[in-house]
Amino acid sequence: MRPRKWLRALAAFAGALLVGSLIQISAVPEPASAALAGSQFNPGNIISDDVFFNYTAMSQPAIQTFLTQVEVGCTASNGQPCLKDYRMDTYSRPDAGANRCTPYTGAAGELASMIIWKVAQACKINPQVLLVTLQKEQGLVTSTAPYTRMYQVAMGYACPDTSACDAQYYGFYNQVYKAAWQFRTYTRDPYSWNFYPGVRPIQYNTNPACGASNVTIQNQATANLYNYTPYQPNAAALANLWGVGDACSAYGNRNFWAYFNTWFGSSLVSTGPLAIQAAYTAAGGGAGPLGQPISSVLSIADNGGGLGQAFQGGSIYWTYTTGAQVVLAGPILNYYFARNGAAGPLGWPMSGTLTISGNGGGLGQVFTAGSVYSSAAGAFLVRDAMRDAYFKVNGSAGLLGWPTGEIQCGLTGDGCLQAFQNGRLYANPAAGFAYPTAGRVLAAYLASGGDAGPLGLPIGPTGAVDANGGGTAQAFANGSLYSATGGGDYIVSGGILAYYFTLKGSAGALGWPAGAASCDAAKTTCTQAFQNGSIAWSATGAGRLASPQIDAAYASAGGPAGTLGAATSDYIPMQGNGGGMARAYANGSIYWTGALGAFAVSGGIRQVYFSLGGSTGSIGWPKGAASCTGTACSQAFQNGTIAGSPATGSYPVLAAVNAAYVTAGGASGALGLPTTAALPIAGNGGGVGQVFAGGSIFAASGGAGYPVSGGIRDYYFALGGANGSAGWPVAVQSCTGSTCTQKFSRGTITYTTGTGGGFRP
């Protein structure tokens, strides 16, 4: 967009307006104006950045006072108040984005001076620039009888030279805000517009036949004026500074310069040299690392324009927006100079040279186009979306460490990559994203072919997941890569991935992938194993849960015609006790875990198992098939045993009692089947006891379990059992001939067949 420029060709019909304006201007006392001459106009340096962006140059009361002083003899005879008295309702505007305008809070009946000041603060533009633009576009500042049109198009915004103004931008507030916003937009993206610092051809008039000449634009502020009004004054316009030139004269930028210097003093004041001197002093002056100056302060027109000064030990650069920044001699300055310094693609420094200790240490410095990092690996630039992503993982002190190479582009999908000590960043510049890839995920990604492989570019960062034993995962354009702690690295993609996500992925019931997907030759059906089950997918349907292990165990049990009967549920992933999968059948269930295998649980054992919470309960997953002798059955689980018969009932044997039971041979040993569940016992510090067909097992709290049987148990019970004088067993009984002894926590019981038992404390 190029706003309309008020050329002020000043033919006879317009001459009176300009002369009237000049008379009013001259009434404002400005000593500088007396010496102002067209010969002083420099087309390449109309206004300095320092002045153009000095949004604190005037307060709202100062603006109001200024308007009152210049609007001498206001008559308001055309139906509109003069600018000093103009009021209107304004509306709020949100933040306009980085380096444009911050929010504007609207209000009822705001004075023009308040609108000008608030826009200046929001968009960081000198309010004097806005005042001068109002004057050079419509003569509003000095007009004693403004008319409606002057307020409608007050700043000439969206009024092209070759067509009508765009009505959607009408209105004083709209015009002032959008013009300031436009100046900021030129500054934010300088090379997206026709004029930017450097040598550019600039016409003298809208008529190309009037010619053009090359102008060395020295700063961004001057470039902004040319983008807004794309003509320079010719010799005739400058020869008659306050009047009419010839048919090829254009007056917009001439008048901007003349009004500004008349009203507000020099438009070329710069605090840059003082800022450079202050930075030099803060760095220790001649006794500091910079040493002595080896050049004067030099003007640099490129990249928006600024100043620079060279020293023995580095350089100091200054722009209005970045301030004065030191670049010390060393690898970063060498890198910067090799790319043409402030005139090159890196632009201007935005920070000093920083020492960073993490990941072996090095140096870093921020520039407008990116950040340069120097370590033992060399000096490299990190920029754009890469830098944003790098900062999110704490830069050189974080996950990735120091860059080890420059950005490389031309990857699959128009991607780019940059290598670092501990990983890589992958980016799609067109989409504006970049993500880190590191550790095992990166190794597996590269092994699969990287960006040229089946996964494509990352679409999210490497992330840690704590569930199901933990690990790391990352999403890519065509799938996801998972690396489980203590497990393998596997890709999950396509329909399997879609179904996996419905189950909450690696944090869900299936857990982490346990193998790669296996597909038929045509890839119309695929299966993939996970910690706690499998997913099957076919091209004709959605993904579904599967378990080849449960299917195999079911087939071994005779399938639908076997002891288990028909299936009564789908496959059910279960997360407790390490996780696995289960499926219910008419006469039992099959449970599977990757660590233990697949086993059926049925009958009375299953009833007890369910009462304990099944695989997610205290006893955990089955670790073997049920062992039966006649109707008596026993089955081992992760954390215990369930045993019994239809005649006696089935009971769980848990914890320390189970350890002693297994040592004693379990259900096939001397103790036989349990006849009760474990019973809590409070005496002598507490513990549990459980009765079996051939004896009992007692386990003190925090201690091991020991069987007590035969005559010793009879005598032990006579002494009160675990609540009595003998206390808890602390060893198994030993027998010699017909005499057996067993140690307890308070003594020893001896029992001899025929003579009975005795207790010795």
Foldseek 3Di string as FASTA:
>chain_A
DAFAFPQCLPDPVCFVVLVVLVVLLVQDDDVLLVPDALVPQALQPLFALQLFLQLVPDDLVRLLVLLVSSQPPADQPQVAGALSQDWAWDDWDDQPDPQFFHIQHTDGTDRNSVLLSSLCVGGRTHSLLLVLLLCRGQNRSHDSHDHQVCQQCSNSGQQHNVDHRDNVQGGNSSNSNVLSRLLSVCLVCVVVAQFAAAWHWAAQAPPCVNDTDIHRNQFSNSRSQCSRPRHDADPQCRNVLSGHGDPSHGCRSSSSSSSCCSSPNHSYDDCQVVLQVVVCVVQPHLVHQQHAWPDDWDWHRASRIWIKTHGPFFIWTAGSVQTIETEGPDQVRVVCVVQVHCNGDQHAWNYYWDWDPAPNTWIKTHTPAFIWTQDPLGIETQGFQRRVQCVVQPHLRGQFHAWNDYWAFDFPPRKIKTHGPFWIWIDNVVVRHIETDGDPRRVVCVVQPHLPGQFHAFPYYWDWDPALQIWIKTHGPFFIWTDHVVAHIETDGDLRRVVCVVQVHLNGLQHAWRDYWDAPPVRQKIKTHGQAFIWIHGVVDGIDTHHPQQVVQCVVQVHLPGPQHHWDDGWAWHRAPSTYIKTHGPFWIWTAGPVQTIETDGDLRVVQCVVQVHQRGDQHAWRDYWDDDVQWIKTHTPFWIWTDGPVQGIETQGDLRRVQCVVQPHLPGQQHGWNDYWDWDPAPQIWIKTHGPFFIWTAHVVGHIETDGDLRRVVCVVQVHCNGQQHAWDDYWDDDVQKIKTHGPRFIKIAGPPPGIDTDD
